[in-house]
Amino acid sequence: MSYPQQPGNWSDPSWPQQQPGYQDPAYAVSGQPAPAYPGYGYQPVASPPTNGLAIAALVCALAGIATCISAPVGAILGHVARRQIRERGEAGDGMALAGIIVGWIITGLMVLLVAFYVVIIILAINSDTTGSDF
């Protein structure tokens, strides 16, 4: 009596059944495991290295939030890094651009803050503080 083959049962009765401990005769002599087949798809492509100045630009620009001194340095490093990235074909253009943007924004805010303090100091010096209106 023959039963119909069940879905998912891919065994073919004409193929030799592998029993526990079965070893392919081609590899029985060497004792080595069967070689792995290569994977599907594309070969992995090595990504280009990240530009070091781009990393430094972003770090200096973000450190400028706390120090207000390194922000312009980060912006300038970002400009230099973008030129190097174009010439060398390296990665890190986004980090360099972020360093430029953050660096110049923080530098602009720092300049506005210093200008505000200068105006407040000048107004305080020129105001009459005697308090007598006689």
C-alpha atoms as a PDB file:
ATOM      1  CA  MET A   1       0.000   0.000   0.000  1.00  0.00           C
ATOM      2  CA  SER A   2       1.399   3.352  -1.037  1.00  0.00           C
ATOM      3  CA  TYR A   3       0.637   6.512   0.856  1.00  0.00           C
ATOM      4  CA  PRO A   4       0.666   9.915  -0.793  1.00  0.00           C
ATOM      5  CA  GLN A   5       3.650  12.082   0.042  1.00  0.00           C
ATOM      6  CA  GLN A   6       2.903  14.652   2.774  1.00  0.00           C
ATOM      7  CA  PRO A   7       3.618  18.342   2.197  1.00  0.00           C
ATOM      8  CA  GLY A   8       7.040  19.286   3.521  1.00  0.00           C
ATOM      9  CA  ASN A   9       8.333  15.731   3.216  1.00  0.00           C
ATOM     10  CA  TRP A  10      11.025  16.115   0.594  1.00  0.00           C
ATOM     11  CA  SER A  11      12.498  12.674   0.814  1.00  0.00           C
ATOM     12  CA  ASP A  12      12.871  10.739  -2.385  1.00  0.00           C
ATOM     13  CA  PRO A  13      12.783   6.961  -1.955  1.00  0.00           C
ATOM     14  CA  SER A  14      15.338   6.556  -4.737  1.00  0.00           C
ATOM     15  CA  TRP A  15      17.962   8.540  -2.769  1.00  0.00           C
ATOM     16  CA  PRO A  16      20.035   6.750  -0.175  1.00  0.00           C
ATOM     17  CA  GLN A  17      18.764   7.431   3.313  1.00  0.00           C
ATOM     18  CA  GLN A  18      21.311   8.936   5.689  1.00  0.00           C
ATOM     19  CA  GLN A  19      21.414   7.093   8.934  1.00  0.00           C
ATOM     20  CA  PRO A  20      22.980   8.456  12.134  1.00  0.00           C
ATOM     21  CA  GLY A  21      26.737   8.290  11.744  1.00  0.00           C
ATOM     22  CA  TYR A  22      26.510   8.249   7.929  1.00  0.00           C
ATOM     23  CA  GLN A  23      29.453   9.918   6.181  1.00  0.00           C
ATOM     24  CA  ASP A  24      29.712  10.805   2.536  1.00  0.00           C
ATOM     25  CA  PRO A  25      32.193   8.416   0.905  1.00  0.00           C
ATOM     26  CA  ALA A  26      34.011  11.313  -0.777  1.00  0.00           C
ATOM     27  CA  TYR A  27      35.073  12.622   2.646  1.00  0.00           C
ATOM     28  CA  ALA A  28      35.375   9.332   4.456  1.00  0.00           C
ATOM     29  CA  VAL A  29      39.080   9.008   3.721  1.00  0.00           C
ATOM     30  CA  SER A  30      40.191  12.509   4.683  1.00  0.00           C
ATOM     31  CA  GLY A  31      38.018  12.778   7.779  1.00  0.00           C
ATOM     32  CA  GLN A  32      37.452  16.465   7.024  1.00  0.00           C
ATOM     33  CA  PRO A  33      33.933  17.933   7.047  1.00  0.00           C
ATOM     34  CA  ALA A  34      32.337  18.722   3.730  1.00  0.00           C
ATOM     35  CA  PRO A  35      33.273  22.167   2.403  1.00  0.00           C
ATOM     36  CA  ALA A  36      30.670  24.875   2.789  1.00  0.00           C
ATOM     37  CA  TYR A  37      29.032  26.208  -0.319  1.00  0.00           C
ATOM     38  CA  PRO A  38      29.481  29.917  -1.095  1.00  0.00           C
ATOM     39  CA  GLY A  39      26.621  32.163  -0.082  1.00  0.00           C
ATOM     40  CA  TYR A  40      24.166  33.804  -2.390  1.00  0.00           C
ATOM     41  CA  GLY A  41      24.217  37.446  -3.407  1.00  0.00           C
ATOM     42  CA  TYR A  42      27.009  39.925  -3.770  1.00  0.00           C
ATOM     43  CA  GLN A  43      30.438  39.745  -2.293  1.00  0.00           C
ATOM     44  CA  PRO A  44      30.843  42.148   0.628  1.00  0.00           C
ATOM     45  CA  VAL A  45      32.546  45.331  -0.430  1.00  0.00           C
ATOM     46  CA  ALA A  46      34.961  46.882   2.011  1.00  0.00           C
ATOM     47  CA  SER A  47      33.731  50.331   2.931  1.00  0.00           C
ATOM     48  CA  PRO A  48      36.237  53.157   2.628  1.00  0.00           C
ATOM     49  CA  PRO A  49      37.860  54.322   5.851  1.00  0.00           C
ATOM     50  CA  THR A  50      36.289  57.201   7.749  1.00  0.00           C
ATOM     51  CA  ASN A  51      38.186  60.467   7.598  1.00  0.00           C
ATOM     52  CA  GLY A  52      39.777  61.246  10.956  1.00  0.00           C
ATOM     53  CA  LEU A  53      39.267  64.987  10.601  1.00  0.00           C
ATOM     54  CA  ALA A  54      35.538  64.425  10.129  1.00  0.00           C
ATOM     55  CA  ILE A  55      35.392  62.635  13.468  1.00  0.00           C
ATOM     56  CA  ALA A  56      37.492  65.373  15.103  1.00  0.00           C
ATOM     57  CA  ALA A  57      35.261  68.068  13.580  1.00  0.00           C
ATOM     58  CA  LEU A  58      32.121  66.559  15.044  1.00  0.00           C
ATOM     59  CA  VAL A  59      33.733  65.988  18.442  1.00  0.00           C
ATOM     60  CA  CYS A  60      35.103  69.542  18.624  1.00  0.00           C
ATOM     61  CA  ALA A  61      31.800  71.047  17.511  1.00  0.00           C
ATOM     62  CA  LEU A  62      29.837  69.073  20.103  1.00  0.00           C
ATOM     63  CA  ALA A  63      32.407  69.889  22.797  1.00  0.00           C
ATOM     64  CA  GLY A  64      31.831  73.520  21.868  1.00  0.00           C
ATOM     65  CA  ILE A  65      28.408  73.269  23.499  1.00  0.00           C
ATOM     66  CA  ALA A  66      30.159  73.098  26.864  1.00  0.00           C
ATOM     67  CA  THR A  67      33.338  75.054  26.159  1.00  0.00           C
ATOM     68  CA  CYS A  68      32.289  77.562  23.438  1.00  0.00           C
ATOM     69  CA  ILE A  69      35.936  77.611  22.370  1.00  0.00           C
ATOM     70  CA  SER A  70      36.237  74.462  20.291  1.00  0.00           C
ATOM     71  CA  ALA A  71      33.136  75.103  18.163  1.00  0.00           C
ATOM     72  CA  PRO A  72      34.886  77.263  15.531  1.00  0.00           C
ATOM     73  CA  VAL A  73      37.743  74.744  15.462  1.00  0.00           C
ATOM     74  CA  GLY A  74      35.214  71.984  14.732  1.00  0.00           C
ATOM     75  CA  ALA A  75      33.654  74.027  11.930  1.00  0.00           C
ATOM     76  CA  ILE A  76      37.013  74.688  10.293  1.00  0.00           C
ATOM     77  CA  LEU A  77      38.059  71.048  10.655  1.00  0.00           C
ATOM     78  CA  GLY A  78      34.770  70.081   9.019  1.00  0.00           C
ATOM     79  CA  HIS A  79      35.561  72.197   5.955  1.00  0.00           C
ATOM     80  CA  VAL A  80      39.047  70.677   5.674  1.00  0.00           C
ATOM     81  CA  ALA A  81      37.646  67.163   6.166  1.00  0.00           C
ATOM     82  CA  ARG A  82      35.044  67.584   3.407  1.00  0.00           C
ATOM     83  CA  ARG A  83      37.753  68.632   0.965  1.00  0.00           C
ATOM     84  CA  GLN A  84      39.879  65.612   1.935  1.00  0.00           C
ATOM     85  CA  ILE A  85      36.867  63.302   1.602  1.00  0.00           C
ATOM     86  CA  ARG A  86      36.188  64.560  -1.935  1.00  0.00           C
ATOM     87  CA  GLU A  87      39.847  64.146  -2.924  1.00  0.00           C
ATOM     88  CA  ARG A  88      40.479  60.743  -1.295  1.00  0.00           C
ATOM     89  CA  GLY A  89      37.055  59.109  -1.586  1.00  0.00           C
ATOM     90  CA  GLU A  90      36.824  58.447   2.144  1.00  0.00           C
ATOM     91  CA  ALA A  91      33.698  58.109   4.255  1.00  0.00           C
ATOM     92  CA  GLY A  92      32.521  60.581   6.898  1.00  0.00           C
ATOM     93  CA  ASP A  93      31.009  63.376   4.828  1.00  0.00           C
ATOM     94  CA  GLY A  94      27.924  63.463   7.068  1.00  0.00           C
ATOM     95  CA  MET A  95      30.027  63.811  10.204  1.00  0.00           C
ATOM     96  CA  ALA A  96      32.063  66.595   8.632  1.00  0.00           C
ATOM     97  CA  LEU A  97      28.893  68.404   7.564  1.00  0.00           C
ATOM     98  CA  ALA A  98      27.407  68.008  11.043  1.00  0.00           C
ATOM     99  CA  GLY A  99      30.631  69.420  12.514  1.00  0.00           C
ATOM    100  CA  ILE A 100      30.380  72.416  10.202  1.00  0.00           C
ATOM    101  CA  ILE A 101      26.724  73.109  10.968  1.00  0.00           C
ATOM    102  CA  VAL A 102      26.938  72.600  14.734  1.00  0.00           C
ATOM    103  CA  GLY A 103      30.249  74.462  14.956  1.00  0.00           C
ATOM    104  CA  TRP A 104      29.045  77.561  13.127  1.00  0.00           C
ATOM    105  CA  ILE A 105      25.699  77.640  14.956  1.00  0.00           C
ATOM    106  CA  ILE A 106      27.403  77.483  18.343  1.00  0.00           C
ATOM    107  CA  THR A 107      29.970  80.069  17.232  1.00  0.00           C
ATOM    108  CA  GLY A 108      27.172  82.399  16.103  1.00  0.00           C
ATOM    109  CA  LEU A 109      25.310  81.971  19.378  1.00  0.00           C
ATOM    110  CA  MET A 110      28.519  82.627  21.289  1.00  0.00           C
ATOM    111  CA  VAL A 111      29.120  85.862  19.333  1.00  0.00           C
ATOM    112  CA  LEU A 112      25.535  86.996  20.012  1.00  0.00           C
ATOM    113  CA  LEU A 113      25.924  86.215  23.708  1.00  0.00           C
ATOM    114  CA  VAL A 114      29.178  88.182  23.960  1.00  0.00           C
ATOM    115  CA  ALA A 115      27.610  91.113  22.098  1.00  0.00           C
ATOM    116  CA  PHE A 116      24.630  91.033  24.473  1.00  0.00           C
ATOM    117  CA  TYR A 117      26.932  91.090  27.503  1.00  0.00           C
ATOM    118  CA  VAL A 118      28.949  93.998  26.039  1.00  0.00           C
ATOM    119  CA  VAL A 119      25.773  96.020  25.458  1.00  0.00           C
ATOM    120  CA  ILE A 120      24.540  95.294  29.004  1.00  0.00           C
ATOM    121  CA  ILE A 121      27.915  96.304  30.479  1.00  0.00           C
ATOM    122  CA  ILE A 122      28.030  99.524  28.436  1.00  0.00           C
ATOM    123  CA  LEU A 123      24.475 100.409  29.511  1.00  0.00           C
ATOM    124  CA  ALA A 124      25.335  99.684  33.143  1.00  0.00           C
ATOM    125  CA  ILE A 125      28.444 101.889  33.003  1.00  0.00           C
ATOM    126  CA  ASN A 126      26.638 104.806  31.379  1.00  0.00           C
ATOM    127  CA  SER A 127      23.598 104.740  33.641  1.00  0.00           C
ATOM    128  CA  ASP A 128      23.302 107.180  36.537  1.00  0.00           C
ATOM    129  CA  THR A 129      23.531 105.155  39.734  1.00  0.00           C
ATOM    130  CA  THR A 130      23.501 108.014  42.250  1.00  0.00           C
ATOM    131  CA  GLY A 131      19.773 107.687  42.741  1.00  0.00           C
ATOM    132  CA  SER A 132      19.271 111.409  43.516  1.00  0.00           C
ATOM    133  CA  ASP A 133      16.774 113.292  41.397  1.00  0.00           C
ATOM    134  CA  PHE A 134      16.968 116.672  43.254  1.00  0.00           C
END
